[in-house]
Amino acid sequence: FRPVRAGNSFEETVARLLQTIRLGL
């Protein structure tokens, strides 16, 4: 839960949320 990189904010947000779920956090 930290700032995503600019440029692909939607894709980065999806990936970060998915990572949070997949890693069990």
PDBML (XML) file of the C-alpha atoms, coordinates in Angstrom:
<?xml version="1.0" encoding="UTF-8" ?>
<PDBx:datablock datablockName="MODEL"
   xmlns:PDBx="http://pdbml.pdb.org/schema/pdbx-v50.xsd"
   xmlns:xsi="http://www.w3.org/2001/XMLSchema-instance"
   xsi:schemaLocation="http://pdbml.pdb.org/schema/pdbx-v50.xsd pdbx-v50.xsd">
   <PDBx:atom_siteCategory>
      <PDBx:atom_site id="1">
         <PDBx:B_iso_or_equiv>0.00</PDBx:B_iso_or_equiv>
         <PDBx:Cartn_x>0.000</PDBx:Cartn_x>
         <PDBx:Cartn_y>0.000</PDBx:Cartn_y>
         <PDBx:Cartn_z>0.000</PDBx:Cartn_z>
         <PDBx:auth_asym_id>A</PDBx:auth_asym_id>
         <PDBx:auth_atom_id>CA</PDBx:auth_atom_id>
         <PDBx:auth_comp_id>PHE</PDBx:auth_comp_id>
         <PDBx:auth_seq_id>1</PDBx:auth_seq_id>
         <PDBx:group_PDB>ATOM</PDBx:group_PDB>
         <PDBx:label_alt_id xsi:nil="true" />
         <PDBx:label_asym_id>A</PDBx:label_asym_id>
         <PDBx:label_atom_id>CA</PDBx:label_atom_id>
         <PDBx:label_comp_id>PHE</PDBx:label_comp_id>
         <PDBx:label_entity_id>1</PDBx:label_entity_id>
         <PDBx:label_seq_id>1</PDBx:label_seq_id>
         <PDBx:occupancy>1.00</PDBx:occupancy>
         <PDBx:pdbx_PDB_model_num>1</PDBx:pdbx_PDB_model_num>
         <PDBx:type_symbol>C</PDBx:type_symbol>
      </PDBx:atom_site>
      <PDBx:atom_site id="2">
         <PDBx:B_iso_or_equiv>0.00</PDBx:B_iso_or_equiv>
         <PDBx:Cartn_x>2.438</PDBx:Cartn_x>
         <PDBx:Cartn_y>2.611</PDBx:Cartn_y>
         <PDBx:Cartn_z>-1.278</PDBx:Cartn_z>
         <PDBx:auth_asym_id>A</PDBx:auth_asym_id>
         <PDBx:auth_atom_id>CA</PDBx:auth_atom_id>
         <PDBx:auth_comp_id>ARG</PDBx:auth_comp_id>
         <PDBx:auth_seq_id>2</PDBx:auth_seq_id>
         <PDBx:group_PDB>ATOM</PDBx:group_PDB>
         <PDBx:label_alt_id xsi:nil="true" />
         <PDBx:label_asym_id>A</PDBx:label_asym_id>
         <PDBx:label_atom_id>CA</PDBx:label_atom_id>
         <PDBx:label_comp_id>ARG</PDBx:label_comp_id>
         <PDBx:label_entity_id>1</PDBx:label_entity_id>
         <PDBx:label_seq_id>2</PDBx:label_seq_id>
         <PDBx:occupancy>1.00</PDBx:occupancy>
         <PDBx:pdbx_PDB_model_num>1</PDBx:pdbx_PDB_model_num>
         <PDBx:type_symbol>C</PDBx:type_symbol>
      </PDBx:atom_site>
      <PDBx:atom_site id="3">
         <PDBx:B_iso_or_equiv>0.00</PDBx:B_iso_or_equiv>
         <PDBx:Cartn_x>2.278</PDBx:Cartn_x>
         <PDBx:Cartn_y>5.066</PDBx:Cartn_y>
         <PDBx:Cartn_z>-4.212</PDBx:Cartn_z>
         <PDBx:auth_asym_id>A</PDBx:auth_asym_id>
         <PDBx:auth_atom_id>CA</PDBx:auth_atom_id>
         <PDBx:auth_comp_id>PRO</PDBx:auth_comp_id>
         <PDBx:auth_seq_id>3</PDBx:auth_seq_id>
         <PDBx:group_PDB>ATOM</PDBx:group_PDB>
         <PDBx:label_alt_id xsi:nil="true" />
         <PDBx:label_asym_id>A</PDBx:label_asym_id>
         <PDBx:label_atom_id>CA</PDBx:label_atom_id>
         <PDBx:label_comp_id>PRO</PDBx:label_comp_id>
         <PDBx:label_entity_id>1</PDBx:label_entity_id>
         <PDBx:label_seq_id>3</PDBx:label_seq_id>
         <PDBx:occupancy>1.00</PDBx:occupancy>
         <PDBx:pdbx_PDB_model_num>1</PDBx:pdbx_PDB_model_num>
         <PDBx:type_symbol>C</PDBx:type_symbol>
      </PDBx:atom_site>
      <PDBx:atom_site id="4">
         <PDBx:B_iso_or_equiv>0.00</PDBx:B_iso_or_equiv>
         <PDBx:Cartn_x>2.209</PDBx:Cartn_x>
         <PDBx:Cartn_y>3.447</PDBx:Cartn_y>
         <PDBx:Cartn_z>-7.638</PDBx:Cartn_z>
         <PDBx:auth_asym_id>A</PDBx:auth_asym_id>
         <PDBx:auth_atom_id>CA</PDBx:auth_atom_id>
         <PDBx:auth_comp_id>VAL</PDBx:auth_comp_id>
         <PDBx:auth_seq_id>4</PDBx:auth_seq_id>
         <PDBx:group_PDB>ATOM</PDBx:group_PDB>
         <PDBx:label_alt_id xsi:nil="true" />
         <PDBx:label_asym_id>A</PDBx:label_asym_id>
         <PDBx:label_atom_id>CA</PDBx:label_atom_id>
         <PDBx:label_comp_id>VAL</PDBx:label_comp_id>
         <PDBx:label_entity_id>1</PDBx:label_entity_id>
         <PDBx:label_seq_id>4</PDBx:label_seq_id>
         <PDBx:occupancy>1.00</PDBx:occupancy>
         <PDBx:pdbx_PDB_model_num>1</PDBx:pdbx_PDB_model_num>
         <PDBx:type_symbol>C</PDBx:type_symbol>
      </PDBx:atom_site>
      <PDBx:atom_site id="5">
         <PDBx:B_iso_or_equiv>0.00</PDBx:B_iso_or_equiv>
         <PDBx:Cartn_x>4.368</PDBx:Cartn_x>
         <PDBx:Cartn_y>4.603</PDBx:Cartn_y>
         <PDBx:Cartn_z>-10.510</PDBx:Cartn_z>
         <PDBx:auth_asym_id>A</PDBx:auth_asym_id>
         <PDBx:auth_atom_id>CA</PDBx:auth_atom_id>
         <PDBx:auth_comp_id>ARG</PDBx:auth_comp_id>
         <PDBx:auth_seq_id>5</PDBx:auth_seq_id>
         <PDBx:group_PDB>ATOM</PDBx:group_PDB>
         <PDBx:label_alt_id xsi:nil="true" />
         <PDBx:label_asym_id>A</PDBx:label_asym_id>
         <PDBx:label_atom_id>CA</PDBx:label_atom_id>
         <PDBx:label_comp_id>ARG</PDBx:label_comp_id>
         <PDBx:label_entity_id>1</PDBx:label_entity_id>
         <PDBx:label_seq_id>5</PDBx:label_seq_id>
         <PDBx:occupancy>1.00</PDBx:occupancy>
         <PDBx:pdbx_PDB_model_num>1</PDBx:pdbx_PDB_model_num>
         <PDBx:type_symbol>C</PDBx:type_symbol>
      </PDBx:atom_site>
      <PDBx:atom_site id="6">
         <PDBx:B_iso_or_equiv>0.00</PDBx:B_iso_or_equiv>
         <PDBx:Cartn_x>2.909</PDBx:Cartn_x>
         <PDBx:Cartn_y>7.236</PDBx:Cartn_y>
         <PDBx:Cartn_z>-12.807</PDBx:Cartn_z>
         <PDBx:auth_asym_id>A</PDBx:auth_asym_id>
         <PDBx:auth_atom_id>CA</PDBx:auth_atom_id>
         <PDBx:auth_comp_id>ALA</PDBx:auth_comp_id>
         <PDBx:auth_seq_id>6</PDBx:auth_seq_id>
         <PDBx:group_PDB>ATOM</PDBx:group_PDB>
         <PDBx:label_alt_id xsi:nil="true" />
         <PDBx:label_asym_id>A</PDBx:label_asym_id>
         <PDBx:label_atom_id>CA</PDBx:label_atom_id>
         <PDBx:label_comp_id>ALA</PDBx:label_comp_id>
         <PDBx:label_entity_id>1</PDBx:label_entity_id>
         <PDBx:label_seq_id>6</PDBx:label_seq_id>
         <PDBx:occupancy>1.00</PDBx:occupancy>
         <PDBx:pdbx_PDB_model_num>1</PDBx:pdbx_PDB_model_num>
         <PDBx:type_symbol>C</PDBx:type_symbol>
      </PDBx:atom_site>
      <PDBx:atom_site id="7">
         <PDBx:B_iso_or_equiv>0.00</PDBx:B_iso_or_equiv>
         <PDBx:Cartn_x>2.008</PDBx:Cartn_x>
         <PDBx:Cartn_y>6.411</PDBx:Cartn_y>
         <PDBx:Cartn_z>-16.398</PDBx:Cartn_z>
         <PDBx:auth_asym_id>A</PDBx:auth_asym_id>
         <PDBx:auth_atom_id>CA</PDBx:auth_atom_id>
         <PDBx:auth_comp_id>GLY</PDBx:auth_comp_id>
         <PDBx:auth_seq_id>7</PDBx:auth_seq_id>
         <PDBx:group_PDB>ATOM</PDBx:group_PDB>
         <PDBx:label_alt_id xsi:nil="true" />
         <PDBx:label_asym_id>A</PDBx:label_asym_id>
         <PDBx:label_atom_id>CA</PDBx:label_atom_id>
         <PDBx:label_comp_id>GLY</PDBx:label_comp_id>
         <PDBx:label_entity_id>1</PDBx:label_entity_id>
         <PDBx:label_seq_id>7</PDBx:label_seq_id>
         <PDBx:occupancy>1.00</PDBx:occupancy>
         <PDBx:pdbx_PDB_model_num>1</PDBx:pdbx_PDB_model_num>
         <PDBx:type_symbol>C</PDBx:type_symbol>
      </PDBx:atom_site>
      <PDBx:atom_site id="8">
         <PDBx:B_iso_or_equiv>0.00</PDBx:B_iso_or_equiv>
         <PDBx:Cartn_x>0.060</PDBx:Cartn_x>
         <PDBx:Cartn_y>3.175</PDBx:Cartn_y>
         <PDBx:Cartn_z>-15.906</PDBx:Cartn_z>
         <PDBx:auth_asym_id>A</PDBx:auth_asym_id>
         <PDBx:auth_atom_id>CA</PDBx:auth_atom_id>
         <PDBx:auth_comp_id>ASN</PDBx:auth_comp_id>
         <PDBx:auth_seq_id>8</PDBx:auth_seq_id>
         <PDBx:group_PDB>ATOM</PDBx:group_PDB>
         <PDBx:label_alt_id xsi:nil="true" />
         <PDBx:label_asym_id>A</PDBx:label_asym_id>
         <PDBx:label_atom_id>CA</PDBx:label_atom_id>
         <PDBx:label_comp_id>ASN</PDBx:label_comp_id>
         <PDBx:label_entity_id>1</PDBx:label_entity_id>
         <PDBx:label_seq_id>8</PDBx:label_seq_id>
         <PDBx:occupancy>1.00</PDBx:occupancy>
         <PDBx:pdbx_PDB_model_num>1</PDBx:pdbx_PDB_model_num>
         <PDBx:type_symbol>C</PDBx:type_symbol>
      </PDBx:atom_site>
      <PDBx:atom_site id="9">
         <PDBx:B_iso_or_equiv>0.00</PDBx:B_iso_or_equiv>
         <PDBx:Cartn_x>-1.803</PDBx:Cartn_x>
         <PDBx:Cartn_y>3.970</PDBx:Cartn_y>
         <PDBx:Cartn_z>-12.727</PDBx:Cartn_z>
         <PDBx:auth_asym_id>A</PDBx:auth_asym_id>
         <PDBx:auth_atom_id>CA</PDBx:auth_atom_id>
         <PDBx:auth_comp_id>SER</PDBx:auth_comp_id>
         <PDBx:auth_seq_id>9</PDBx:auth_seq_id>
         <PDBx:group_PDB>ATOM</PDBx:group_PDB>
         <PDBx:label_alt_id xsi:nil="true" />
         <PDBx:label_asym_id>A</PDBx:label_asym_id>
         <PDBx:label_atom_id>CA</PDBx:label_atom_id>
         <PDBx:label_comp_id>SER</PDBx:label_comp_id>
         <PDBx:label_entity_id>1</PDBx:label_entity_id>
         <PDBx:label_seq_id>9</PDBx:label_seq_id>
         <PDBx:occupancy>1.00</PDBx:occupancy>
         <PDBx:pdbx_PDB_model_num>1</PDBx:pdbx_PDB_model_num>
         <PDBx:type_symbol>C</PDBx:type_symbol>
      </PDBx:atom_site>
      <PDBx:atom_site id="10">
         <PDBx:B_iso_or_equiv>0.00</PDBx:B_iso_or_equiv>
         <PDBx:Cartn_x>-4.775</PDBx:Cartn_x>
         <PDBx:Cartn_y>1.694</PDBx:Cartn_y>
         <PDBx:Cartn_z>-13.423</PDBx:Cartn_z>
         <PDBx:auth_asym_id>A</PDBx:auth_asym_id>
         <PDBx:auth_atom_id>CA</PDBx:auth_atom_id>
         <PDBx:auth_comp_id>PHE</PDBx:auth_comp_id>
         <PDBx:auth_seq_id>10</PDBx:auth_seq_id>
         <PDBx:group_PDB>ATOM</PDBx:group_PDB>
         <PDBx:label_alt_id xsi:nil="true" />
         <PDBx:label_asym_id>A</PDBx:label_asym_id>
         <PDBx:label_atom_id>CA</PDBx:label_atom_id>
         <PDBx:label_comp_id>PHE</PDBx:label_comp_id>
         <PDBx:label_entity_id>1</PDBx:label_entity_id>
         <PDBx:label_seq_id>10</PDBx:label_seq_id>
         <PDBx:occupancy>1.00</PDBx:occupancy>
         <PDBx:pdbx_PDB_model_num>1</PDBx:pdbx_PDB_model_num>
         <PDBx:type_symbol>C</PDBx:type_symbol>
      </PDBx:atom_site>
      <PDBx:atom_site id="11">
         <PDBx:B_iso_or_equiv>0.00</PDBx:B_iso_or_equiv>
         <PDBx:Cartn_x>-2.642</PDBx:Cartn_x>
         <PDBx:Cartn_y>-1.334</PDBx:Cartn_y>
         <PDBx:Cartn_z>-14.306</PDBx:Cartn_z>
         <PDBx:auth_asym_id>A</PDBx:auth_asym_id>
         <PDBx:auth_atom_id>CA</PDBx:auth_atom_id>
         <PDBx:auth_comp_id>GLU</PDBx:auth_comp_id>
         <PDBx:auth_seq_id>11</PDBx:auth_seq_id>
         <PDBx:group_PDB>ATOM</PDBx:group_PDB>
         <PDBx:label_alt_id xsi:nil="true" />
         <PDBx:label_asym_id>A</PDBx:label_asym_id>
         <PDBx:label_atom_id>CA</PDBx:label_atom_id>
         <PDBx:label_comp_id>GLU</PDBx:label_comp_id>
         <PDBx:label_entity_id>1</PDBx:label_entity_id>
         <PDBx:label_seq_id>11</PDBx:label_seq_id>
         <PDBx:occupancy>1.00</PDBx:occupancy>
         <PDBx:pdbx_PDB_model_num>1</PDBx:pdbx_PDB_model_num>
         <PDBx:type_symbol>C</PDBx:type_symbol>
      </PDBx:atom_site>
      <PDBx:atom_site id="12">
         <PDBx:B_iso_or_equiv>0.00</PDBx:B_iso_or_equiv>
         <PDBx:Cartn_x>-0.293</PDBx:Cartn_x>
         <PDBx:Cartn_y>-0.698</PDBx:Cartn_y>
         <PDBx:Cartn_z>-11.379</PDBx:Cartn_z>
         <PDBx:auth_asym_id>A</PDBx:auth_asym_id>
         <PDBx:auth_atom_id>CA</PDBx:auth_atom_id>
         <PDBx:auth_comp_id>GLU</PDBx:auth_comp_id>
         <PDBx:auth_seq_id>12</PDBx:auth_seq_id>
         <PDBx:group_PDB>ATOM</PDBx:group_PDB>
         <PDBx:label_alt_id xsi:nil="true" />
         <PDBx:label_asym_id>A</PDBx:label_asym_id>
         <PDBx:label_atom_id>CA</PDBx:label_atom_id>
         <PDBx:label_comp_id>GLU</PDBx:label_comp_id>
         <PDBx:label_entity_id>1</PDBx:label_entity_id>
         <PDBx:label_seq_id>12</PDBx:label_seq_id>
         <PDBx:occupancy>1.00</PDBx:occupancy>
         <PDBx:pdbx_PDB_model_num>1</PDBx:pdbx_PDB_model_num>
         <PDBx:type_symbol>C</PDBx:type_symbol>
      </PDBx:atom_site>
      <PDBx:atom_site id="13">
         <PDBx:B_iso_or_equiv>0.00</PDBx:B_iso_or_equiv>
         <PDBx:Cartn_x>-3.223</PDBx:Cartn_x>
         <PDBx:Cartn_y>-0.393</PDBx:Cartn_y>
         <PDBx:Cartn_z>-8.965</PDBx:Cartn_z>
         <PDBx:auth_asym_id>A</PDBx:auth_asym_id>
         <PDBx:auth_atom_id>CA</PDBx:auth_atom_id>
         <PDBx:auth_comp_id>THR</PDBx:auth_comp_id>
         <PDBx:auth_seq_id>13</PDBx:auth_seq_id>
         <PDBx:group_PDB>ATOM</PDBx:group_PDB>
         <PDBx:label_alt_id xsi:nil="true" />
         <PDBx:label_asym_id>A</PDBx:label_asym_id>
         <PDBx:label_atom_id>CA</PDBx:label_atom_id>
         <PDBx:label_comp_id>THR</PDBx:label_comp_id>
         <PDBx:label_entity_id>1</PDBx:label_entity_id>
         <PDBx:label_seq_id>13</PDBx:label_seq_id>
         <PDBx:occupancy>1.00</PDBx:occupancy>
         <PDBx:pdbx_PDB_model_num>1</PDBx:pdbx_PDB_model_num>
         <PDBx:type_symbol>C</PDBx:type_symbol>
      </PDBx:atom_site>
      <PDBx:atom_site id="14">
         <PDBx:B_iso_or_equiv>0.00</PDBx:B_iso_or_equiv>
         <PDBx:Cartn_x>-4.753</PDBx:Cartn_x>
         <PDBx:Cartn_y>-3.646</PDBx:Cartn_y>
         <PDBx:Cartn_z>-10.197</PDBx:Cartn_z>
         <PDBx:auth_asym_id>A</PDBx:auth_asym_id>
         <PDBx:auth_atom_id>CA</PDBx:auth_atom_id>
         <PDBx:auth_comp_id>VAL</PDBx:auth_comp_id>
         <PDBx:auth_seq_id>14</PDBx:auth_seq_id>
         <PDBx:group_PDB>ATOM</PDBx:group_PDB>
         <PDBx:label_alt_id xsi:nil="true" />
         <PDBx:label_asym_id>A</PDBx:label_asym_id>
         <PDBx:label_atom_id>CA</PDBx:label_atom_id>
         <PDBx:label_comp_id>VAL</PDBx:label_comp_id>
         <PDBx:label_entity_id>1</PDBx:label_entity_id>
         <PDBx:label_seq_id>14</PDBx:label_seq_id>
         <PDBx:occupancy>1.00</PDBx:occupancy>
         <PDBx:pdbx_PDB_model_num>1</PDBx:pdbx_PDB_model_num>
         <PDBx:type_symbol>C</PDBx:type_symbol>
      </PDBx:atom_site>
      <PDBx:atom_site id="15">
         <PDBx:B_iso_or_equiv>0.00</PDBx:B_iso_or_equiv>
         <PDBx:Cartn_x>-1.386</PDBx:Cartn_x>
         <PDBx:Cartn_y>-5.394</PDBx:Cartn_y>
         <PDBx:Cartn_z>-9.933</PDBx:Cartn_z>
         <PDBx:auth_asym_id>A</PDBx:auth_asym_id>
         <PDBx:auth_atom_id>CA</PDBx:auth_atom_id>
         <PDBx:auth_comp_id>ALA</PDBx:auth_comp_id>
         <PDBx:auth_seq_id>15</PDBx:auth_seq_id>
         <PDBx:group_PDB>ATOM</PDBx:group_PDB>
         <PDBx:label_alt_id xsi:nil="true" />
         <PDBx:label_asym_id>A</PDBx:label_asym_id>
         <PDBx:label_atom_id>CA</PDBx:label_atom_id>
         <PDBx:label_comp_id>ALA</PDBx:label_comp_id>
         <PDBx:label_entity_id>1</PDBx:label_entity_id>
         <PDBx:label_seq_id>15</PDBx:label_seq_id>
         <PDBx:occupancy>1.00</PDBx:occupancy>
         <PDBx:pdbx_PDB_model_num>1</PDBx:pdbx_PDB_model_num>
         <PDBx:type_symbol>C</PDBx:type_symbol>
      </PDBx:atom_site>
      <PDBx:atom_site id="16">
         <PDBx:B_iso_or_equiv>0.00</PDBx:B_iso_or_equiv>
         <PDBx:Cartn_x>-0.732</PDBx:Cartn_x>
         <PDBx:Cartn_y>-4.053</PDBx:Cartn_y>
         <PDBx:Cartn_z>-6.419</PDBx:Cartn_z>
         <PDBx:auth_asym_id>A</PDBx:auth_asym_id>
         <PDBx:auth_atom_id>CA</PDBx:auth_atom_id>
         <PDBx:auth_comp_id>ARG</PDBx:auth_comp_id>
         <PDBx:auth_seq_id>16</PDBx:auth_seq_id>
         <PDBx:group_PDB>ATOM</PDBx:group_PDB>
         <PDBx:label_alt_id xsi:nil="true" />
         <PDBx:label_asym_id>A</PDBx:label_asym_id>
         <PDBx:label_atom_id>CA</PDBx:label_atom_id>
         <PDBx:label_comp_id>ARG</PDBx:label_comp_id>
         <PDBx:label_entity_id>1</PDBx:label_entity_id>
         <PDBx:label_seq_id>16</PDBx:label_seq_id>
         <PDBx:occupancy>1.00</PDBx:occupancy>
         <PDBx:pdbx_PDB_model_num>1</PDBx:pdbx_PDB_model_num>
         <PDBx:type_symbol>C</PDBx:type_symbol>
      </PDBx:atom_site>
      <PDBx:atom_site id="17">
         <PDBx:B_iso_or_equiv>0.00</PDBx:B_iso_or_equiv>
         <PDBx:Cartn_x>-4.151</PDBx:Cartn_x>
         <PDBx:Cartn_y>-5.094</PDBx:Cartn_y>
         <PDBx:Cartn_z>-5.113</PDBx:Cartn_z>
         <PDBx:auth_asym_id>A</PDBx:auth_asym_id>
         <PDBx:auth_atom_id>CA</PDBx:auth_atom_id>
         <PDBx:auth_comp_id>LEU</PDBx:auth_comp_id>
         <PDBx:auth_seq_id>17</PDBx:auth_seq_id>
         <PDBx:group_PDB>ATOM</PDBx:group_PDB>
         <PDBx:label_alt_id xsi:nil="true" />
         <PDBx:label_asym_id>A</PDBx:label_asym_id>
         <PDBx:label_atom_id>CA</PDBx:label_atom_id>
         <PDBx:label_comp_id>LEU</PDBx:label_comp_id>
         <PDBx:label_entity_id>1</PDBx:label_entity_id>
         <PDBx:label_seq_id>17</PDBx:label_seq_id>
         <PDBx:occupancy>1.00</PDBx:occupancy>
         <PDBx:pdbx_PDB_model_num>1</PDBx:pdbx_PDB_model_num>
         <PDBx:type_symbol>C</PDBx:type_symbol>
      </PDBx:atom_site>
      <PDBx:atom_site id="18">
         <PDBx:B_iso_or_equiv>0.00</PDBx:B_iso_or_equiv>
         <PDBx:Cartn_x>-3.794</PDBx:Cartn_x>
         <PDBx:Cartn_y>-8.492</PDBx:Cartn_y>
         <PDBx:Cartn_z>-6.743</PDBx:Cartn_z>
         <PDBx:auth_asym_id>A</PDBx:auth_asym_id>
         <PDBx:auth_atom_id>CA</PDBx:auth_atom_id>
         <PDBx:auth_comp_id>LEU</PDBx:auth_comp_id>
         <PDBx:auth_seq_id>18</PDBx:auth_seq_id>
         <PDBx:group_PDB>ATOM</PDBx:group_PDB>
         <PDBx:label_alt_id xsi:nil="true" />
         <PDBx:label_asym_id>A</PDBx:label_asym_id>
         <PDBx:label_atom_id>CA</PDBx:label_atom_id>
         <PDBx:label_comp_id>LEU</PDBx:label_comp_id>
         <PDBx:label_entity_id>1</PDBx:label_entity_id>
         <PDBx:label_seq_id>18</PDBx:label_seq_id>
         <PDBx:occupancy>1.00</PDBx:occupancy>
         <PDBx:pdbx_PDB_model_num>1</PDBx:pdbx_PDB_model_num>
         <PDBx:type_symbol>C</PDBx:type_symbol>
      </PDBx:atom_site>
      <PDBx:atom_site id="19">
         <PDBx:B_iso_or_equiv>0.00</PDBx:B_iso_or_equiv>
         <PDBx:Cartn_x>-0.346</PDBx:Cartn_x>
         <PDBx:Cartn_y>-8.898</PDBx:Cartn_y>
         <PDBx:Cartn_z>-5.210</PDBx:Cartn_z>
         <PDBx:auth_asym_id>A</PDBx:auth_asym_id>
         <PDBx:auth_atom_id>CA</PDBx:auth_atom_id>
         <PDBx:auth_comp_id>GLN</PDBx:auth_comp_id>
         <PDBx:auth_seq_id>19</PDBx:auth_seq_id>
         <PDBx:group_PDB>ATOM</PDBx:group_PDB>
         <PDBx:label_alt_id xsi:nil="true" />
         <PDBx:label_asym_id>A</PDBx:label_asym_id>
         <PDBx:label_atom_id>CA</PDBx:label_atom_id>
         <PDBx:label_comp_id>GLN</PDBx:label_comp_id>
         <PDBx:label_entity_id>1</PDBx:label_entity_id>
         <PDBx:label_seq_id>19</PDBx:label_seq_id>
         <PDBx:occupancy>1.00</PDBx:occupancy>
         <PDBx:pdbx_PDB_model_num>1</PDBx:pdbx_PDB_model_num>
         <PDBx:type_symbol>C</PDBx:type_symbol>
      </PDBx:atom_site>
      <PDBx:atom_site id="20">
         <PDBx:B_iso_or_equiv>0.00</PDBx:B_iso_or_equiv>
         <PDBx:Cartn_x>-1.755</PDBx:Cartn_x>
         <PDBx:Cartn_y>-8.020</PDBx:Cartn_y>
         <PDBx:Cartn_z>-1.794</PDBx:Cartn_z>
         <PDBx:auth_asym_id>A</PDBx:auth_asym_id>
         <PDBx:auth_atom_id>CA</PDBx:auth_atom_id>
         <PDBx:auth_comp_id>THR</PDBx:auth_comp_id>
         <PDBx:auth_seq_id>20</PDBx:auth_seq_id>
         <PDBx:group_PDB>ATOM</PDBx:group_PDB>
         <PDBx:label_alt_id xsi:nil="true" />
         <PDBx:label_asym_id>A</PDBx:label_asym_id>
         <PDBx:label_atom_id>CA</PDBx:label_atom_id>
         <PDBx:label_comp_id>THR</PDBx:label_comp_id>
         <PDBx:label_entity_id>1</PDBx:label_entity_id>
         <PDBx:label_seq_id>20</PDBx:label_seq_id>
         <PDBx:occupancy>1.00</PDBx:occupancy>
         <PDBx:pdbx_PDB_model_num>1</PDBx:pdbx_PDB_model_num>
         <PDBx:type_symbol>C</PDBx:type_symbol>
      </PDBx:atom_site>
      <PDBx:atom_site id="21">
         <PDBx:B_iso_or_equiv>0.00</PDBx:B_iso_or_equiv>
         <PDBx:Cartn_x>-4.375</PDBx:Cartn_x>
         <PDBx:Cartn_y>-10.759</PDBx:Cartn_y>
         <PDBx:Cartn_z>-2.156</PDBx:Cartn_z>
         <PDBx:auth_asym_id>A</PDBx:auth_asym_id>
         <PDBx:auth_atom_id>CA</PDBx:auth_atom_id>
         <PDBx:auth_comp_id>ILE</PDBx:auth_comp_id>
         <PDBx:auth_seq_id>21</PDBx:auth_seq_id>
         <PDBx:group_PDB>ATOM</PDBx:group_PDB>
         <PDBx:label_alt_id xsi:nil="true" />
         <PDBx:label_asym_id>A</PDBx:label_asym_id>
         <PDBx:label_atom_id>CA</PDBx:label_atom_id>
         <PDBx:label_comp_id>ILE</PDBx:label_comp_id>
         <PDBx:label_entity_id>1</PDBx:label_entity_id>
         <PDBx:label_seq_id>21</PDBx:label_seq_id>
         <PDBx:occupancy>1.00</PDBx:occupancy>
         <PDBx:pdbx_PDB_model_num>1</PDBx:pdbx_PDB_model_num>
         <PDBx:type_symbol>C</PDBx:type_symbol>
      </PDBx:atom_site>
      <PDBx:atom_site id="22">
         <PDBx:B_iso_or_equiv>0.00</PDBx:B_iso_or_equiv>
         <PDBx:Cartn_x>-2.114</PDBx:Cartn_x>
         <PDBx:Cartn_y>-13.403</PDBx:Cartn_y>
         <PDBx:Cartn_z>-3.699</PDBx:Cartn_z>
         <PDBx:auth_asym_id>A</PDBx:auth_asym_id>
         <PDBx:auth_atom_id>CA</PDBx:auth_atom_id>
         <PDBx:auth_comp_id>ARG</PDBx:auth_comp_id>
         <PDBx:auth_seq_id>22</PDBx:auth_seq_id>
         <PDBx:group_PDB>ATOM</PDBx:group_PDB>
         <PDBx:label_alt_id xsi:nil="true" />
         <PDBx:label_asym_id>A</PDBx:label_asym_id>
         <PDBx:label_atom_id>CA</PDBx:label_atom_id>
         <PDBx:label_comp_id>ARG</PDBx:label_comp_id>
         <PDBx:label_entity_id>1</PDBx:label_entity_id>
         <PDBx:label_seq_id>22</PDBx:label_seq_id>
         <PDBx:occupancy>1.00</PDBx:occupancy>
         <PDBx:pdbx_PDB_model_num>1</PDBx:pdbx_PDB_model_num>
         <PDBx:type_symbol>C</PDBx:type_symbol>
      </PDBx:atom_site>
      <PDBx:atom_site id="23">
         <PDBx:B_iso_or_equiv>0.00</PDBx:B_iso_or_equiv>
         <PDBx:Cartn_x>0.562</PDBx:Cartn_x>
         <PDBx:Cartn_y>-12.953</PDBx:Cartn_y>
         <PDBx:Cartn_z>-1.022</PDBx:Cartn_z>
         <PDBx:auth_asym_id>A</PDBx:auth_asym_id>
         <PDBx:auth_atom_id>CA</PDBx:auth_atom_id>
         <PDBx:auth_comp_id>LEU</PDBx:auth_comp_id>
         <PDBx:auth_seq_id>23</PDBx:auth_seq_id>
         <PDBx:group_PDB>ATOM</PDBx:group_PDB>
         <PDBx:label_alt_id xsi:nil="true" />
         <PDBx:label_asym_id>A</PDBx:label_asym_id>
         <PDBx:label_atom_id>CA</PDBx:label_atom_id>
         <PDBx:label_comp_id>LEU</PDBx:label_comp_id>
         <PDBx:label_entity_id>1</PDBx:label_entity_id>
         <PDBx:label_seq_id>23</PDBx:label_seq_id>
         <PDBx:occupancy>1.00</PDBx:occupancy>
         <PDBx:pdbx_PDB_model_num>1</PDBx:pdbx_PDB_model_num>
         <PDBx:type_symbol>C</PDBx:type_symbol>
      </PDBx:atom_site>
      <PDBx:atom_site id="24">
         <PDBx:B_iso_or_equiv>0.00</PDBx:B_iso_or_equiv>
         <PDBx:Cartn_x>-2.001</PDBx:Cartn_x>
         <PDBx:Cartn_y>-13.339</PDBx:Cartn_y>
         <PDBx:Cartn_z>1.739</PDBx:Cartn_z>
         <PDBx:auth_asym_id>A</PDBx:auth_asym_id>
         <PDBx:auth_atom_id>CA</PDBx:auth_atom_id>
         <PDBx:auth_comp_id>GLY</PDBx:auth_comp_id>
         <PDBx:auth_seq_id>24</PDBx:auth_seq_id>
         <PDBx:group_PDB>ATOM</PDBx:group_PDB>
         <PDBx:label_alt_id xsi:nil="true" />
         <PDBx:label_asym_id>A</PDBx:label_asym_id>
         <PDBx:label_atom_id>CA</PDBx:label_atom_id>
         <PDBx:label_comp_id>GLY</PDBx:label_comp_id>
         <PDBx:label_entity_id>1</PDBx:label_entity_id>
         <PDBx:label_seq_id>24</PDBx:label_seq_id>
         <PDBx:occupancy>1.00</PDBx:occupancy>
         <PDBx:pdbx_PDB_model_num>1</PDBx:pdbx_PDB_model_num>
         <PDBx:type_symbol>C</PDBx:type_symbol>
      </PDBx:atom_site>
      <PDBx:atom_site id="25">
         <PDBx:B_iso_or_equiv>0.00</PDBx:B_iso_or_equiv>
         <PDBx:Cartn_x>-1.571</PDBx:Cartn_x>
         <PDBx:Cartn_y>-9.884</PDBx:Cartn_y>
         <PDBx:Cartn_z>3.241</PDBx:Cartn_z>
         <PDBx:auth_asym_id>A</PDBx:auth_asym_id>
         <PDBx:auth_atom_id>CA</PDBx:auth_atom_id>
         <PDBx:auth_comp_id>LEU</PDBx:auth_comp_id>
         <PDBx:auth_seq_id>25</PDBx:auth_seq_id>
         <PDBx:group_PDB>ATOM</PDBx:group_PDB>
         <PDBx:label_alt_id xsi:nil="true" />
         <PDBx:label_asym_id>A</PDBx:label_asym_id>
         <PDBx:label_atom_id>CA</PDBx:label_atom_id>
         <PDBx:label_comp_id>LEU</PDBx:label_comp_id>
         <PDBx:label_entity_id>1</PDBx:label_entity_id>
         <PDBx:label_seq_id>25</PDBx:label_seq_id>
         <PDBx:occupancy>1.00</PDBx:occupancy>
         <PDBx:pdbx_PDB_model_num>1</PDBx:pdbx_PDB_model_num>
         <PDBx:type_symbol>C</PDBx:type_symbol>
      </PDBx:atom_site>
   </PDBx:atom_siteCategory>
</PDBx:datablock>
